[in-house]
Structure formats: structure tokens, C-alpha cells
Amino acid sequence: MRRFARFGLPLALVAAVHSVALTTAVPAFAQGKPAAPRQDLIGRGRSLFEDQQYEESIQTLSAALVRPNNTKDQRLEVYRLLALNYITLNRKEEAESAVRGLLAQSPAYALPASESPRFRDFFATVKQKWEQEGRPGLVSESAPQAAPVEMAHVSPSQVERNTDVPLSIKLEDPQGRVYDVKLFYRAGSKGKFEDIAAVLDQGQAKASIPKASVTPPIVEYYFQGFDKGGLPIASRGDAAAPLRIAVPEPKRAWVLPLAIGGGAIVAGGAVVGILAAAGAFKGTNKSTVSVSVGE
């Protein structure tokens, strides 16, 4: 038994240290990669609107709007819900842009009589103004499609906690459609994204995630480009599939004095348990071991 304790002690400590390292490892999903996209963004945006979570609804619907391959009916519903959100928040410019986007897809569109008079009056006013201006932006099969906007960005895989995270993207915008760019960010993977305006200069947009939001285990973010009316037309990541950066816990080290053979022992419970199982505490010989455990 003594021989087992003598040779088993280092192995037990190695196992304990290995166990500690595993529990503090950076999660595999948090390596600067986008999260898996959530399905039915339009339905989620509608539910958030009904729950009076208007900012979250706008962020979710904006993600839906910039996704490719939307059907006409899906685009109409996104514009409608965005308009309702913006009207509720009294953000008239964005609300008008959303209504105009809807009318450009379907000029005869009208809200049902069961809808709130506030919403119906706003839609009717914008429609009248849009028609008087000659129905600008009307979508037709013969009209050339707008050139897509591309956002090139390299996400850092890991950052230290409580530090500002400077980020930048490069825009490929042949027709100059992007009027401004915003960086959206949040600590962790739940809740509303905060946003900050990026500095746009010569095809590059730069912004930083504030250090207060950079906490373990991850920080999530995305970039979004907007047209002059305030509607999203391009993104790198989005509210449903944000980019993620690992924020590891700070490294720790402990000194574990072990008095074996009748003396006091101060050590982590896992280490003590392993040493006890190995028979390290049996026998009459007293010895002291100082163990430094680091990550």
C-alpha cells in the first residue's frame, strides 16, 4: 500500500490538474464563428413585436430582411412588421422607409380595416406621398437589380476580458448604397444587442466593442449596413447568427500544502479525493508536499 501511495501520488495530481484544465477550457463554439442560424425569423420577429419587445423585433426582422432568397410574401411581411415597430417607437423616418419598401413590392397594398387607425393612417399618408412622387423604387421585372453589397471581415478568435475590442470591415459597394454602418454587440448569448455607429471612411468601417461588455465566456456581435432611409441592406453576421469571440476566464494558480501522515491538509476537494483514493494519507510517516497547480 505504501508503495502504491508513493508512486500513485504524482499520477493522481496529474489527473487532478488535467481535470481542472478541462473545466476551464474555452468552449469549442466560441472561436470567432457565427452561431447556427435560427429558423423562422419572421415568426420570431412577429412574436417579439406582440410581446412589446420592439428593439429585439427590429433586430430579428432586419436579419430576415438581408437574408437571400426571400419570397415576395416574406419581404412584404418583413416590411410590414418593421413599419409597425418603427411607428410604435415613433421613428418616423425608418417607418416611412419600411412602408416605401413594401409599396415598391406591392403598390396596391393596404392594411386591413381591423388594424389600428394609427398604423392605417401612417400607411395611407406615406402611400399618397409615394404616389405623388411618381412611385420611386417600384420593383419591376425589367428593372435592373441593385448590385449586392459585400462585407469582408476577419473575426478575432479570442480576446482578454474587460478590454476594448477594435473591429473593422471592408465594404464592396459598387453603387454606393450604404449610407452608414453600425456595430451590434452583447455580452453572452442572450438579450438585446446594443449598437454603436461605426466610422465609415473610404470603404472601411471601424468600431470597438466596449470593454464593459467583454466578459467570459463569450461576446457576440455583428455589423450591419444601412441605406439612406435607415433600412438594412447588408450584414456580416446578424441577430440570429452573430459572430462570437471567446473571452476566457483569467488564469489562476494555487499552492496546495499537503501534510500527509497525521498533519493538517489544505487542498481542493477533487485533489484530496483523488489522493485519498490513492492511499496517500495512510501510514505513519509524516511528510509535507507543496503542490502548485496552474492553468
Protein backbone atom coordinates (compact mmCIF):
# COMPACT_ATOMS: atom_id res chain seq x y z
CA MET A 1 0.00 0.00 0.00
CA ARG A 2 2.84 2.42 0.85
CA ARG A 3 4.49 1.68 -2.47
CA PHE A 4 1.21 2.42 -4.29
CA ALA A 5 0.84 5.74 -2.44
CA ARG A 6 4.41 6.77 -3.22
CA PHE A 7 4.16 6.14 -6.96
CA GLY A 8 0.45 6.89 -7.32
CA LEU A 9 0.67 10.40 -5.86
CA PRO A 10 2.19 12.13 -8.92
CA LEU A 11 -0.27 10.37 -11.21
CA ALA A 12 -3.18 11.46 -9.05
CA LEU A 13 -2.02 15.06 -9.09
CA VAL A 14 -1.61 14.98 -12.87
CA ALA A 15 -5.17 13.68 -13.20
CA ALA A 16 -6.46 16.41 -10.90
CA VAL A 17 -4.67 19.15 -12.82
CA HIS A 18 -5.92 17.73 -16.10
CA SER A 19 -9.46 17.76 -14.71
CA VAL A 20 -9.13 21.44 -13.71
CA ALA A 21 -7.82 22.34 -17.15
CA LEU A 22 -10.76 20.66 -18.84
CA THR A 23 -13.30 22.57 -16.77
CA THR A 24 -11.73 25.94 -17.68
CA ALA A 25 -11.13 25.29 -21.36
CA VAL A 26 -12.58 27.73 -23.89
CA PRO A 27 -15.84 26.39 -25.36
CA ALA A 28 -15.37 25.00 -28.85
CA PHE A 29 -18.27 27.02 -30.25
CA ALA A 30 -16.74 30.36 -29.22
CA GLN A 31 -13.96 30.64 -31.76
CA GLY A 32 -14.98 33.63 -33.86
CA LYS A 33 -17.52 31.60 -35.82
CA PRO A 34 -21.15 32.56 -36.35
CA ALA A 35 -23.77 30.76 -34.33
CA ALA A 36 -26.12 28.39 -36.10
CA PRO A 37 -28.91 30.41 -37.74
CA ARG A 38 -32.33 30.22 -36.09
CA GLN A 39 -35.28 29.29 -38.23
CA ASP A 40 -38.47 31.30 -38.88
CA LEU A 41 -37.04 34.75 -38.23
CA ILE A 42 -40.23 36.41 -39.42
CA GLY A 43 -42.35 34.46 -36.94
CA ARG A 44 -39.93 35.29 -34.15
CA GLY A 45 -39.93 38.96 -35.11
CA ARG A 46 -43.74 38.95 -35.06
CA SER A 47 -43.83 37.33 -31.62
CA LEU A 48 -41.35 39.86 -30.23
CA PHE A 49 -43.48 42.70 -31.58
CA GLU A 50 -46.59 41.24 -29.95
CA ASP A 51 -44.64 40.94 -26.68
CA GLN A 52 -43.72 44.64 -26.96
CA GLN A 53 -40.02 43.87 -27.36
CA TYR A 54 -39.70 46.30 -30.24
CA GLU A 55 -35.92 46.70 -30.47
CA GLU A 56 -35.41 42.93 -30.38
CA SER A 57 -38.14 42.54 -33.02
CA ILE A 58 -36.41 45.06 -35.30
CA GLN A 59 -33.06 43.30 -34.91
CA THR A 60 -34.60 39.92 -35.75
CA LEU A 61 -36.58 41.26 -38.73
CA SER A 62 -33.50 43.07 -40.02
CA ALA A 63 -31.73 39.71 -40.02
CA ALA A 64 -34.60 38.28 -42.05
CA LEU A 65 -34.57 41.20 -44.48
CA VAL A 66 -30.92 40.78 -45.50
CA ARG A 67 -31.17 37.01 -45.95
CA PRO A 68 -31.19 35.99 -49.63
CA ASN A 69 -33.98 34.10 -51.38
CA ASN A 70 -36.92 35.62 -49.53
CA THR A 71 -40.22 35.23 -51.36
CA LYS A 72 -42.30 38.29 -52.22
CA ASP A 73 -44.80 37.49 -49.47
CA GLN A 74 -41.98 37.14 -46.95
CA ARG A 75 -40.49 40.51 -47.93
CA LEU A 76 -43.90 42.17 -47.62
CA GLU A 77 -44.39 40.75 -44.13
CA VAL A 78 -40.92 41.85 -43.00
CA TYR A 79 -41.50 45.41 -44.26
CA ARG A 80 -44.96 45.49 -42.63
CA LEU A 81 -43.67 44.35 -39.25
CA LEU A 82 -40.68 46.69 -39.40
CA ALA A 83 -43.02 49.58 -40.16
CA LEU A 84 -45.27 48.70 -37.21
CA ASN A 85 -42.26 48.55 -34.89
CA TYR A 86 -40.87 51.88 -36.08
CA ILE A 87 -44.27 53.60 -35.86
CA THR A 88 -44.70 52.33 -32.30
CA LEU A 89 -41.28 53.72 -31.37
CA ASN A 90 -42.08 56.99 -33.16
CA ARG A 91 -39.10 56.52 -35.51
CA LYS A 92 -40.89 58.10 -38.44
CA GLU A 93 -38.05 58.15 -40.96
CA GLU A 94 -37.36 54.41 -40.70
CA ALA A 95 -41.11 53.70 -40.61
CA GLU A 96 -41.61 55.60 -43.86
CA SER A 97 -38.71 53.75 -45.48
CA ALA A 98 -40.26 50.42 -44.48
CA VAL A 99 -43.65 51.39 -45.93
CA ARG A 100 -42.00 52.58 -49.14
CA GLY A 101 -40.12 49.30 -49.38
CA LEU A 102 -43.41 47.45 -49.03
CA LEU A 103 -45.18 49.62 -51.64
CA ALA A 104 -42.30 49.17 -54.07
CA GLN A 105 -43.02 45.44 -53.94
CA SER A 106 -46.84 45.76 -53.93
CA PRO A 107 -48.21 49.22 -54.98
CA ALA A 108 -51.84 48.27 -54.20
CA TYR A 109 -51.07 47.12 -50.66
CA ALA A 110 -53.30 48.42 -47.85
CA LEU A 111 -53.55 47.46 -44.20
CA PRO A 112 -56.76 45.64 -43.23
CA ALA A 113 -59.57 47.62 -41.59
CA SER A 114 -59.02 45.66 -38.38
CA GLU A 115 -55.58 47.23 -37.95
CA SER A 116 -55.02 50.12 -35.56
CA PRO A 117 -56.05 53.53 -37.00
CA ARG A 118 -52.63 54.86 -36.05
CA PHE A 119 -50.94 52.35 -38.34
CA ARG A 120 -53.51 52.68 -41.15
CA ASP A 121 -53.28 56.47 -41.18
CA PHE A 122 -49.49 56.37 -41.34
CA PHE A 123 -49.52 53.85 -44.22
CA ALA A 124 -52.10 55.89 -46.12
CA THR A 125 -50.13 59.13 -45.74
CA VAL A 126 -46.89 57.55 -46.94
CA LYS A 127 -48.65 55.87 -49.85
CA GLN A 128 -50.17 59.15 -51.02
CA LYS A 129 -46.80 60.88 -50.82
CA TRP A 130 -45.08 58.00 -52.61
CA GLU A 131 -47.59 58.07 -55.46
CA GLN A 132 -47.29 61.86 -55.82
CA GLU A 133 -43.52 61.42 -56.22
CA GLY A 134 -44.06 59.02 -59.11
CA ARG A 135 -43.72 55.76 -57.12
CA PRO A 136 -39.90 55.78 -56.82
CA GLY A 137 -38.20 52.43 -56.37
CA LEU A 138 -41.06 50.45 -57.87
CA VAL A 139 -39.87 46.91 -58.48
CA SER A 140 -40.45 45.53 -61.96
CA GLU A 141 -39.13 42.51 -63.80
CA SER A 142 -37.47 44.69 -66.42
CA ALA A 143 -35.71 46.94 -63.90
CA PRO A 144 -32.03 46.11 -63.26
CA GLN A 145 -31.31 44.56 -59.89
CA ALA A 146 -29.26 46.51 -57.39
CA ALA A 147 -25.66 45.34 -57.07
CA PRO A 148 -25.15 43.35 -53.88
CA VAL A 149 -23.08 44.79 -51.03
CA GLU A 150 -20.34 42.60 -49.59
CA MET A 151 -18.77 42.97 -46.14
CA ALA A 152 -15.34 41.41 -45.62
CA HIS A 153 -14.30 40.90 -42.02
CA VAL A 154 -11.92 38.71 -40.02
CA SER A 155 -13.13 37.97 -36.50
CA PRO A 156 -10.63 37.53 -33.67
CA SER A 157 -10.84 34.09 -32.10
CA GLN A 158 -10.14 35.22 -28.54
CA VAL A 159 -9.74 38.42 -26.51
CA GLU A 160 -8.95 39.28 -22.91
CA ARG A 161 -11.84 40.23 -20.68
CA ASN A 162 -12.54 43.87 -19.79
CA THR A 163 -10.65 45.20 -22.82
CA ASP A 164 -11.96 47.21 -25.76
CA VAL A 165 -12.18 45.14 -28.95
CA PRO A 166 -11.44 47.19 -32.09
CA LEU A 167 -13.06 45.72 -35.22
CA SER A 168 -13.21 46.71 -38.86
CA ILE A 169 -14.87 45.61 -42.09
CA LYS A 170 -14.18 46.30 -45.74
CA LEU A 171 -17.14 47.21 -47.95
CA GLU A 172 -17.62 46.18 -51.56
CA ASP A 173 -20.38 48.60 -52.54
CA PRO A 174 -20.29 49.29 -56.32
CA GLN A 175 -23.32 51.59 -56.32
CA GLY A 176 -22.61 53.40 -53.06
CA ARG A 177 -25.84 52.20 -51.45
CA VAL A 178 -24.52 52.00 -47.88
CA TYR A 179 -25.13 55.26 -46.05
CA ASP A 180 -23.91 54.19 -42.60
CA VAL A 181 -22.75 51.11 -40.70
CA LYS A 182 -23.49 50.01 -37.13
CA LEU A 183 -21.79 47.51 -34.86
CA PHE A 184 -24.18 45.47 -32.69
CA TYR A 185 -22.82 43.65 -29.64
CA ARG A 186 -23.77 41.94 -26.37
CA ALA A 187 -22.12 40.05 -23.53
CA GLY A 188 -23.01 36.37 -23.65
CA SER A 189 -25.64 34.86 -25.94
CA LYS A 190 -28.93 36.23 -24.61
CA GLY A 191 -30.72 39.54 -24.56
CA LYS A 192 -30.83 42.60 -26.75
CA PHE A 193 -27.85 43.74 -28.78
CA GLU A 194 -26.52 47.23 -28.07
CA ASP A 195 -25.38 49.22 -31.09
CA ILE A 196 -22.78 51.83 -31.88
CA ALA A 197 -22.19 53.80 -35.09
CA ALA A 198 -19.08 52.77 -37.00
CA VAL A 199 -16.73 55.27 -38.60
CA LEU A 200 -17.12 54.85 -42.36
CA ASP A 201 -14.20 56.06 -44.47
CA GLN A 202 -13.07 55.06 -47.97
CA GLY A 203 -14.78 51.70 -48.00
CA GLN A 204 -13.85 50.73 -44.44
CA ALA A 205 -15.96 50.82 -41.30
CA LYS A 206 -14.39 50.75 -37.83
CA ALA A 207 -15.89 50.45 -34.35
CA SER A 208 -14.99 48.90 -30.99
CA ILE A 209 -16.89 46.69 -28.58
CA PRO A 210 -16.69 48.48 -25.20
CA LYS A 211 -14.75 46.68 -22.51
CA ALA A 212 -17.75 46.60 -20.17
CA SER A 213 -19.39 44.06 -22.50
CA VAL A 214 -16.30 41.89 -22.90
CA THR A 215 -16.85 39.28 -20.19
CA PRO A 216 -16.41 35.47 -20.07
CA PRO A 217 -17.26 33.18 -21.69
CA ILE A 218 -18.12 34.94 -24.99
CA VAL A 219 -19.07 38.22 -26.60
CA GLU A 220 -21.37 38.26 -29.64
CA TYR A 221 -21.55 40.89 -32.36
CA TYR A 222 -22.36 41.69 -35.98
CA PHE A 223 -22.06 44.54 -38.48
CA GLN A 224 -24.97 45.90 -40.48
CA GLY A 225 -25.02 48.40 -43.35
CA PHE A 226 -28.00 50.73 -43.87
CA ASP A 227 -29.33 52.76 -46.79
CA LYS A 228 -30.29 56.44 -46.55
CA GLY A 229 -33.74 55.51 -45.28
CA GLY A 230 -32.31 53.55 -42.36
CA LEU A 231 -33.18 50.06 -43.63
CA PRO A 232 -30.56 47.28 -43.55
CA ILE A 233 -29.20 46.20 -46.92
CA ALA A 234 -26.12 44.19 -45.92
CA SER A 235 -24.65 42.49 -42.88
CA ARG A 236 -21.75 40.45 -41.58
CA GLY A 237 -23.46 38.17 -39.12
CA ASP A 238 -26.84 39.18 -37.77
CA ALA A 239 -29.03 38.98 -34.66
CA ALA A 240 -29.98 35.37 -35.40
CA ALA A 241 -26.46 34.22 -36.33
CA PRO A 242 -23.98 36.59 -34.67
CA LEU A 243 -20.22 36.30 -34.70
CA ARG A 244 -18.69 35.04 -31.47
CA ILE A 245 -15.39 35.74 -29.75
CA ALA A 246 -14.11 33.66 -26.84
CA VAL A 247 -13.40 35.55 -23.61
CA PRO A 248 -11.57 33.09 -21.33
CA GLU A 249 -11.50 33.29 -17.58
CA PRO A 250 -8.24 34.69 -16.14
CA LYS A 251 -5.56 32.17 -15.36
CA ARG A 252 -5.31 31.04 -11.75
CA ALA A 253 -2.70 29.15 -9.74
CA TRP A 254 -2.93 27.63 -6.25
CA VAL A 255 -0.35 26.32 -3.82
CA LEU A 256 -1.70 23.24 -2.08
CA PRO A 257 0.24 22.36 1.10
CA LEU A 258 -0.39 18.74 1.96
CA ALA A 259 0.65 17.38 5.33
CA ILE A 260 0.47 13.63 4.96
CA GLY A 261 0.57 11.29 7.94
CA GLY A 262 -1.40 12.92 10.73
CA GLY A 263 -0.92 16.62 9.92
CA ALA A 264 -3.43 19.15 8.56
CA ILE A 265 -4.24 19.24 4.86
CA VAL A 266 -5.45 22.19 2.76
CA ALA A 267 -6.33 21.30 -0.82
CA GLY A 268 -9.10 21.34 -3.36
CA GLY A 269 -11.80 18.75 -2.78
CA ALA A 270 -11.15 16.98 -6.07
CA VAL A 271 -7.42 16.68 -5.37
CA VAL A 272 -8.00 15.47 -1.81
CA GLY A 273 -10.46 12.87 -3.03
CA ILE A 274 -8.00 11.52 -5.59
CA LEU A 275 -5.16 11.42 -3.08
CA ALA A 276 -7.35 9.63 -0.56
CA ALA A 277 -8.38 7.06 -3.14
CA ALA A 278 -4.73 6.52 -3.93
CA GLY A 279 -3.96 5.80 -0.28
CA ALA A 280 -1.74 8.82 0.12
CA PHE A 281 -2.96 9.51 3.66
CA LYS A 282 -2.25 6.07 5.12
CA GLY A 283 0.84 5.08 7.05
CA THR A 284 2.76 6.55 9.94
CA ASN A 285 5.46 8.51 8.14
CA LYS A 286 4.73 12.23 8.06
CA SER A 287 5.79 14.31 5.06
CA THR A 288 4.76 17.65 3.62
CA VAL A 289 4.18 18.19 -0.08
CA SER A 290 3.65 21.64 -1.63
CA VAL A 291 1.80 21.37 -4.89
CA SER A 292 1.39 24.29 -7.31
CA VAL A 293 -1.49 23.87 -9.69
CA GLY A 294 -1.72 26.27 -12.63
CA GLU A 295 -3.83 26.53 -15.75
